[in-house]
Amino acid sequence: MNFKELLAQLEERLGYHQFPVNPAATNIKNVFEGSPLHHDVMTGLMRAIYVSNACHRLTDAVTLDRTLQALTPIRQESLRASTADVDLYRLLDELGVALNEIFAESREPEKTPAPATRRSAVIIPLAAYRRQRRLKSSA
């Protein structure tokens, strides 16, 4: 998974208001299309992930270990700050869960659906039933 794909996955899981990712971004400076809800924390986190994974382009690969290493000090600093609120606390927890899920899904091999087994229809002969039951008219 590359850095840009990670950002797109985070936007999908956490919402556009938290991660307004610019799909046409060409470098780290214009990765956000607008301003995230917690602007300072999110921009700092994206830069830390970028640096921690030794990225030079948005298409460079990222790993879970290095990404979590970048998240840990920012998370601790943000939660210890006197300005931390409930929304930031929840966001950082959801971010950790989302990162674990995203990387877990990328590790799993693609599951191809099993070919559907064709079941043939059971043919019931009706000739025997037709002979047994005859309607008689009263006319």
N, C-alpha and C. Protein backbone atom coordinates (compact mmCIF):
# COMPACT_ATOMS: atom_id res chain seq x y z
N MET A 1 0.85 -1.16 0.00
CA MET A 1 0.00 0.00 0.00
C MET A 1 0.90 1.24 0.00
N ASN A 2 0.49 2.24 -0.77
CA ASN A 2 1.29 3.46 -0.79
C ASN A 2 0.62 4.55 0.05
N PHE A 3 1.33 5.65 0.22
CA PHE A 3 0.88 6.73 1.10
C PHE A 3 -0.46 7.30 0.64
N LYS A 4 -0.61 7.52 -0.63
CA LYS A 4 -1.84 8.10 -1.16
C LYS A 4 -3.03 7.15 -0.98
N GLU A 5 -2.81 5.87 -1.16
CA GLU A 5 -3.88 4.89 -0.93
C GLU A 5 -4.27 4.84 0.54
N LEU A 6 -3.29 4.97 1.42
CA LEU A 6 -3.58 5.00 2.85
C LEU A 6 -4.46 6.18 3.20
N LEU A 7 -4.15 7.35 2.65
CA LEU A 7 -4.96 8.53 2.92
C LEU A 7 -6.39 8.37 2.41
N ALA A 8 -6.53 7.78 1.24
CA ALA A 8 -7.86 7.56 0.68
C ALA A 8 -8.66 6.60 1.57
N GLN A 9 -8.01 5.56 2.08
CA GLN A 9 -8.68 4.62 2.97
C GLN A 9 -9.08 5.30 4.28
N LEU A 10 -8.21 6.15 4.81
CA LEU A 10 -8.54 6.87 6.05
C LEU A 10 -9.70 7.82 5.83
N GLU A 11 -9.73 8.47 4.68
CA GLU A 11 -10.87 9.36 4.38
C GLU A 11 -12.16 8.56 4.32
N GLU A 12 -12.10 7.40 3.72
CA GLU A 12 -13.30 6.56 3.60
C GLU A 12 -13.80 6.09 4.97
N ARG A 13 -12.88 5.75 5.85
CA ARG A 13 -13.27 5.20 7.16
C ARG A 13 -13.60 6.28 8.18
N LEU A 14 -12.86 7.38 8.17
CA LEU A 14 -13.06 8.40 9.21
C LEU A 14 -13.95 9.55 8.75
N GLY A 15 -14.12 9.71 7.47
CA GLY A 15 -15.00 10.75 6.96
C GLY A 15 -14.23 11.91 6.36
N TYR A 16 -14.90 12.59 5.45
CA TYR A 16 -14.28 13.71 4.74
C TYR A 16 -13.97 14.87 5.69
N HIS A 17 -14.79 15.07 6.71
CA HIS A 17 -14.55 16.18 7.64
C HIS A 17 -13.26 15.99 8.44
N GLN A 18 -12.84 14.74 8.65
CA GLN A 18 -11.59 14.47 9.36
C GLN A 18 -10.40 14.43 8.40
N PHE A 19 -10.61 13.87 7.21
CA PHE A 19 -9.55 13.69 6.22
C PHE A 19 -10.03 14.15 4.85
N PRO A 20 -10.03 15.44 4.59
CA PRO A 20 -10.45 15.91 3.26
C PRO A 20 -9.32 15.74 2.24
N VAL A 21 -9.12 14.54 1.77
CA VAL A 21 -7.99 14.21 0.90
C VAL A 21 -8.21 14.78 -0.50
N ASN A 22 -7.17 15.37 -1.02
CA ASN A 22 -7.17 15.91 -2.38
C ASN A 22 -6.75 14.78 -3.33
N PRO A 23 -7.67 14.28 -4.15
CA PRO A 23 -7.30 13.17 -5.04
C PRO A 23 -6.27 13.55 -6.11
N ALA A 24 -6.14 14.84 -6.38
CA ALA A 24 -5.19 15.30 -7.39
C ALA A 24 -3.87 15.77 -6.77
N ALA A 25 -3.62 15.43 -5.52
CA ALA A 25 -2.41 15.88 -4.83
C ALA A 25 -1.17 15.31 -5.51
N THR A 26 -0.15 16.15 -5.59
CA THR A 26 1.11 15.71 -6.19
C THR A 26 2.25 15.66 -5.19
N ASN A 27 2.07 16.32 -4.04
CA ASN A 27 3.09 16.27 -2.99
C ASN A 27 2.42 16.42 -1.63
N ILE A 28 3.22 16.34 -0.58
CA ILE A 28 2.69 16.34 0.79
C ILE A 28 2.06 17.69 1.15
N LYS A 29 2.47 18.77 0.50
CA LYS A 29 1.95 20.09 0.83
C LYS A 29 0.48 20.27 0.46
N ASN A 30 0.03 19.63 -0.59
CA ASN A 30 -1.37 19.79 -1.00
C ASN A 30 -2.17 18.49 -0.88
N VAL A 31 -1.84 17.70 0.13
CA VAL A 31 -2.51 16.41 0.31
C VAL A 31 -3.95 16.59 0.80
N PHE A 32 -4.21 17.67 1.53
CA PHE A 32 -5.58 17.93 2.00
C PHE A 32 -6.26 18.93 1.08
N GLU A 33 -7.50 18.63 0.75
CA GLU A 33 -8.29 19.48 -0.14
C GLU A 33 -8.83 20.70 0.61
N GLY A 34 -9.13 20.51 1.85
CA GLY A 34 -9.63 21.58 2.69
C GLY A 34 -8.92 21.52 4.03
N SER A 35 -9.61 21.96 5.05
CA SER A 35 -9.02 21.94 6.38
C SER A 35 -9.67 20.84 7.21
N PRO A 36 -8.86 19.89 7.71
CA PRO A 36 -9.43 18.84 8.57
C PRO A 36 -9.98 19.45 9.86
N LEU A 37 -10.85 18.74 10.51
CA LEU A 37 -11.47 19.22 11.74
C LEU A 37 -10.42 19.56 12.79
N HIS A 38 -9.47 18.72 13.01
CA HIS A 38 -8.34 18.97 13.93
C HIS A 38 -7.10 19.20 13.06
N HIS A 39 -7.01 20.38 12.50
CA HIS A 39 -6.04 20.70 11.46
C HIS A 39 -4.60 20.46 11.90
N ASP A 40 -4.19 20.99 13.03
CA ASP A 40 -2.79 20.87 13.46
C ASP A 40 -2.39 19.42 13.71
N VAL A 41 -3.27 18.67 14.36
CA VAL A 41 -2.96 17.27 14.66
C VAL A 41 -2.89 16.45 13.38
N MET A 42 -3.86 16.63 12.48
CA MET A 42 -3.89 15.82 11.26
C MET A 42 -2.74 16.15 10.31
N THR A 43 -2.43 17.43 10.14
CA THR A 43 -1.31 17.77 9.26
C THR A 43 0.01 17.29 9.86
N GLY A 44 0.16 17.43 11.16
CA GLY A 44 1.37 16.93 11.82
C GLY A 44 1.49 15.42 11.70
N LEU A 45 0.38 14.74 11.84
CA LEU A 45 0.37 13.28 11.73
C LEU A 45 0.72 12.83 10.32
N MET A 46 0.13 13.47 9.31
CA MET A 46 0.42 13.08 7.93
C MET A 46 1.89 13.30 7.59
N ARG A 47 2.46 14.40 8.06
CA ARG A 47 3.88 14.65 7.82
C ARG A 47 4.74 13.62 8.56
N ALA A 48 4.35 13.26 9.78
CA ALA A 48 5.11 12.28 10.56
C ALA A 48 5.07 10.90 9.89
N ILE A 49 3.92 10.51 9.39
CA ILE A 49 3.80 9.22 8.70
C ILE A 49 4.65 9.24 7.44
N TYR A 50 4.62 10.33 6.72
CA TYR A 50 5.39 10.49 5.49
C TYR A 50 6.89 10.35 5.77
N VAL A 51 7.36 11.04 6.80
CA VAL A 51 8.79 11.01 7.16
C VAL A 51 9.18 9.66 7.75
N SER A 52 8.35 9.12 8.62
CA SER A 52 8.65 7.85 9.28
C SER A 52 8.79 6.70 8.28
N ASN A 53 8.00 6.75 7.21
CA ASN A 53 8.07 5.71 6.19
C ASN A 53 9.10 6.02 5.11
N ALA A 54 9.87 7.10 5.30
CA ALA A 54 10.91 7.51 4.35
C ALA A 54 10.35 7.71 2.94
N CYS A 55 9.20 8.34 2.88
CA CYS A 55 8.57 8.59 1.58
C CYS A 55 9.21 9.81 0.92
N HIS A 56 9.33 9.74 -0.40
CA HIS A 56 9.79 10.87 -1.20
C HIS A 56 8.70 11.32 -2.16
N ARG A 57 7.76 10.44 -2.40
CA ARG A 57 6.61 10.72 -3.27
C ARG A 57 5.36 10.15 -2.59
N LEU A 58 4.22 10.61 -3.04
CA LEU A 58 2.97 10.10 -2.46
C LEU A 58 2.71 8.65 -2.83
N THR A 59 3.42 8.16 -3.80
CA THR A 59 3.23 6.77 -4.25
C THR A 59 4.21 5.80 -3.60
N ASP A 60 4.99 6.27 -2.64
CA ASP A 60 5.93 5.39 -1.94
C ASP A 60 5.18 4.52 -0.93
N ALA A 61 5.72 3.34 -0.69
CA ALA A 61 5.06 2.36 0.19
C ALA A 61 5.13 2.78 1.65
N VAL A 62 4.09 2.40 2.39
CA VAL A 62 4.04 2.63 3.83
C VAL A 62 3.79 1.29 4.53
N THR A 63 4.27 1.20 5.78
CA THR A 63 4.07 -0.02 6.56
C THR A 63 3.34 0.31 7.85
N LEU A 64 2.73 -0.69 8.43
CA LEU A 64 1.98 -0.51 9.67
C LEU A 64 2.90 -0.11 10.81
N ASP A 65 4.02 -0.79 10.96
CA ASP A 65 4.93 -0.51 12.08
C ASP A 65 5.41 0.93 12.08
N ARG A 66 5.87 1.39 10.95
CA ARG A 66 6.38 2.77 10.87
C ARG A 66 5.27 3.79 11.01
N THR A 67 4.11 3.45 10.53
CA THR A 67 2.97 4.36 10.65
C THR A 67 2.55 4.49 12.10
N LEU A 68 2.49 3.38 12.82
CA LEU A 68 2.15 3.44 14.24
C LEU A 68 3.24 4.11 15.06
N GLN A 69 4.50 3.95 14.66
CA GLN A 69 5.59 4.66 15.33
C GLN A 69 5.43 6.17 15.18
N ALA A 70 4.92 6.60 14.05
CA ALA A 70 4.69 8.03 13.83
C ALA A 70 3.47 8.51 14.62
N LEU A 71 2.48 7.67 14.76
CA LEU A 71 1.25 8.04 15.47
C LEU A 71 1.45 8.14 16.98
N THR A 72 2.26 7.28 17.55
CA THR A 72 2.39 7.18 19.00
C THR A 72 2.78 8.48 19.69
N PRO A 73 3.87 9.15 19.30
CA PRO A 73 4.21 10.39 20.02
C PRO A 73 3.19 11.50 19.83
N ILE A 74 2.60 11.58 18.66
CA ILE A 74 1.59 12.62 18.41
C ILE A 74 0.34 12.34 19.24
N ARG A 75 -0.03 11.09 19.33
CA ARG A 75 -1.20 10.71 20.13
C ARG A 75 -0.95 11.03 21.61
N GLN A 76 0.20 10.66 22.12
CA GLN A 76 0.50 10.93 23.53
C GLN A 76 0.53 12.43 23.81
N GLU A 77 1.17 13.18 22.95
CA GLU A 77 1.26 14.63 23.14
C GLU A 77 -0.13 15.28 23.08
N SER A 78 -0.94 14.83 22.15
CA SER A 78 -2.28 15.41 22.00
C SER A 78 -3.17 15.08 23.19
N LEU A 79 -3.09 13.87 23.70
CA LEU A 79 -3.95 13.47 24.81
C LEU A 79 -3.52 14.10 26.13
N ARG A 80 -2.24 14.41 26.25
CA ARG A 80 -1.74 15.04 27.48
C ARG A 80 -1.96 16.55 27.49
N ALA A 81 -2.24 17.12 26.34
CA ALA A 81 -2.41 18.57 26.25
C ALA A 81 -3.67 19.00 27.00
N SER A 82 -3.62 20.19 27.55
CA SER A 82 -4.78 20.69 28.30
C SER A 82 -5.92 21.06 27.37
N THR A 83 -5.65 21.18 26.09
CA THR A 83 -6.70 21.55 25.13
C THR A 83 -7.36 20.34 24.48
N ALA A 84 -6.98 19.14 24.88
CA ALA A 84 -7.56 17.92 24.30
C ALA A 84 -9.03 17.84 24.66
N ASP A 85 -9.84 17.53 23.67
CA ASP A 85 -11.27 17.37 23.92
C ASP A 85 -11.70 15.95 23.58
N VAL A 86 -12.96 15.68 23.84
CA VAL A 86 -13.49 14.33 23.63
C VAL A 86 -13.41 13.94 22.17
N ASP A 87 -13.67 14.87 21.26
CA ASP A 87 -13.64 14.57 19.83
C ASP A 87 -12.24 14.17 19.37
N LEU A 88 -11.24 14.86 19.86
CA LEU A 88 -9.86 14.52 19.49
C LEU A 88 -9.48 13.16 20.05
N TYR A 89 -9.88 12.88 21.27
CA TYR A 89 -9.61 11.59 21.89
C TYR A 89 -10.22 10.46 21.06
N ARG A 90 -11.49 10.63 20.67
CA ARG A 90 -12.17 9.61 19.86
C ARG A 90 -11.52 9.47 18.49
N LEU A 91 -11.15 10.60 17.90
CA LEU A 91 -10.52 10.56 16.58
C LEU A 91 -9.22 9.77 16.62
N LEU A 92 -8.41 10.01 17.62
CA LEU A 92 -7.13 9.30 17.71
C LEU A 92 -7.33 7.81 17.95
N ASP A 93 -8.34 7.45 18.73
CA ASP A 93 -8.64 6.03 18.93
C ASP A 93 -9.15 5.39 17.63
N GLU A 94 -10.07 6.08 16.95
CA GLU A 94 -10.61 5.58 15.69
C GLU A 94 -9.52 5.48 14.63
N LEU A 95 -8.58 6.41 14.67
CA LEU A 95 -7.48 6.40 13.72
C LEU A 95 -6.61 5.15 13.92
N GLY A 96 -6.30 4.82 15.16
CA GLY A 96 -5.53 3.62 15.43
C GLY A 96 -6.23 2.35 14.98
N VAL A 97 -7.52 2.28 15.26
CA VAL A 97 -8.31 1.12 14.84
C VAL A 97 -8.36 1.04 13.31
N ALA A 98 -8.59 2.19 12.67
CA ALA A 98 -8.68 2.22 11.21
C ALA A 98 -7.36 1.79 10.57
N LEU A 99 -6.25 2.26 11.11
CA LEU A 99 -4.95 1.88 10.56
C LEU A 99 -4.73 0.37 10.67
N ASN A 100 -5.06 -0.19 11.81
CA ASN A 100 -4.91 -1.65 11.97
C ASN A 100 -5.79 -2.41 10.99
N GLU A 101 -7.02 -1.97 10.81
CA GLU A 101 -7.94 -2.65 9.88
C GLU A 101 -7.47 -2.51 8.44
N ILE A 102 -7.02 -1.32 8.06
CA ILE A 102 -6.58 -1.09 6.68
C ILE A 102 -5.40 -1.98 6.34
N PHE A 103 -4.42 -2.03 7.22
CA PHE A 103 -3.24 -2.85 6.93
C PHE A 103 -3.55 -4.34 7.04
N ALA A 104 -4.48 -4.72 7.91
CA ALA A 104 -4.87 -6.13 7.99
C ALA A 104 -5.56 -6.57 6.70
N GLU A 105 -6.40 -5.71 6.15
CA GLU A 105 -7.09 -6.04 4.90
C GLU A 105 -6.12 -6.10 3.73
N SER A 106 -5.09 -5.25 3.76
CA SER A 106 -4.14 -5.26 2.64
C SER A 106 -3.23 -6.48 2.70
N ARG A 107 -3.07 -7.09 3.87
CA ARG A 107 -2.24 -8.29 3.99
C ARG A 107 -2.97 -9.54 3.53
N GLU A 108 -4.28 -9.57 3.70
CA GLU A 108 -5.06 -10.75 3.34
C GLU A 108 -5.06 -10.90 1.82
N PRO A 109 -4.85 -12.12 1.36
CA PRO A 109 -4.91 -12.31 -0.09
C PRO A 109 -6.35 -12.10 -0.57
N GLU A 110 -6.45 -11.66 -1.78
CA GLU A 110 -7.76 -11.43 -2.36
C GLU A 110 -8.52 -12.76 -2.42
N LYS A 111 -9.71 -12.74 -1.90
CA LYS A 111 -10.51 -13.95 -1.92
C LYS A 111 -11.36 -13.94 -3.18
N THR A 112 -11.15 -14.94 -3.99
CA THR A 112 -11.97 -15.06 -5.18
C THR A 112 -13.19 -15.90 -4.83
N PRO A 113 -14.33 -15.47 -5.28
CA PRO A 113 -15.52 -16.25 -4.95
C PRO A 113 -15.45 -17.63 -5.59
N ALA A 114 -15.92 -18.60 -4.86
CA ALA A 114 -15.94 -19.96 -5.36
C ALA A 114 -16.90 -20.04 -6.54
N PRO A 115 -16.53 -20.80 -7.54
CA PRO A 115 -17.43 -20.91 -8.69
C PRO A 115 -18.75 -21.54 -8.25
N ALA A 116 -19.80 -20.98 -8.75
CA ALA A 116 -21.12 -21.47 -8.38
C ALA A 116 -21.33 -22.86 -8.97
N THR A 117 -21.79 -23.75 -8.13
CA THR A 117 -22.05 -25.10 -8.60
C THR A 117 -23.44 -25.10 -9.21
N ARG A 118 -23.51 -25.62 -10.39
CA ARG A 118 -24.80 -25.67 -11.06
C ARG A 118 -25.58 -26.85 -10.54
N ARG A 119 -26.73 -26.54 -10.08
CA ARG A 119 -27.61 -27.61 -9.63
C ARG A 119 -28.62 -27.86 -10.74
N SER A 120 -28.75 -29.11 -11.04
CA SER A 120 -29.74 -29.43 -12.06
C SER A 120 -31.09 -29.55 -11.38
N ALA A 121 -32.08 -29.27 -12.12
CA ALA A 121 -33.43 -29.32 -11.59
C ALA A 121 -33.88 -30.77 -11.44
N VAL A 122 -34.68 -31.01 -10.46
CA VAL A 122 -35.25 -32.34 -10.28
C VAL A 122 -36.51 -32.39 -11.13
N ILE A 123 -36.53 -33.32 -12.04
CA ILE A 123 -37.67 -33.44 -12.95
C ILE A 123 -38.62 -34.48 -12.39
N ILE A 124 -39.82 -34.04 -12.16
CA ILE A 124 -40.85 -34.93 -11.63
C ILE A 124 -41.77 -35.32 -12.78
N PRO A 125 -41.85 -36.59 -13.06
CA PRO A 125 -42.75 -37.01 -14.15
C PRO A 125 -44.21 -36.82 -13.73
N LEU A 126 -44.96 -36.18 -14.56
CA LEU A 126 -46.36 -35.90 -14.25
C LEU A 126 -47.32 -36.91 -14.87
N ALA A 127 -46.84 -37.76 -15.73
CA ALA A 127 -47.72 -38.70 -16.42
C ALA A 127 -48.46 -39.60 -15.43
N ALA A 128 -47.80 -40.05 -14.40
CA ALA A 128 -48.44 -40.94 -13.43
C ALA A 128 -49.55 -40.21 -12.69
N TYR A 129 -49.36 -38.98 -12.40
CA TYR A 129 -50.37 -38.21 -11.66
C TYR A 129 -51.55 -37.87 -12.56
N ARG A 130 -51.30 -37.68 -13.82
CA ARG A 130 -52.38 -37.34 -14.75
C ARG A 130 -53.33 -38.52 -14.93
N ARG A 131 -52.79 -39.70 -14.91
CA ARG A 131 -53.65 -40.87 -15.09
C ARG A 131 -54.52 -41.12 -13.88
N GLN A 132 -54.03 -40.83 -12.69
CA GLN A 132 -54.76 -41.12 -11.46
C GLN A 132 -55.92 -40.17 -11.25
N ARG A 133 -55.77 -38.98 -11.61
CA ARG A 133 -56.78 -38.00 -11.27
C ARG A 133 -57.43 -37.47 -12.55
N ARG A 134 -58.62 -37.84 -12.71
CA ARG A 134 -59.39 -37.38 -13.85
C ARG A 134 -60.59 -36.64 -13.31
N LEU A 135 -60.80 -35.52 -13.87
CA LEU A 135 -61.96 -34.73 -13.47
C LEU A 135 -63.15 -35.18 -14.30
N LYS A 136 -64.21 -35.39 -13.62
CA LYS A 136 -65.42 -35.77 -14.32
C LYS A 136 -66.36 -34.60 -14.28
N SER A 137 -66.89 -34.35 -15.37
CA SER A 137 -67.84 -33.23 -15.41
C SER A 137 -69.23 -33.78 -15.11
N SER A 138 -70.06 -32.95 -14.56
CA SER A 138 -71.42 -33.38 -14.22
C SER A 138 -72.37 -33.12 -15.37
N ALA A 139 -71.85 -32.71 -16.46
CA ALA A 139 -72.70 -32.46 -17.59
C ALA A 139 -73.06 -33.67 -18.36
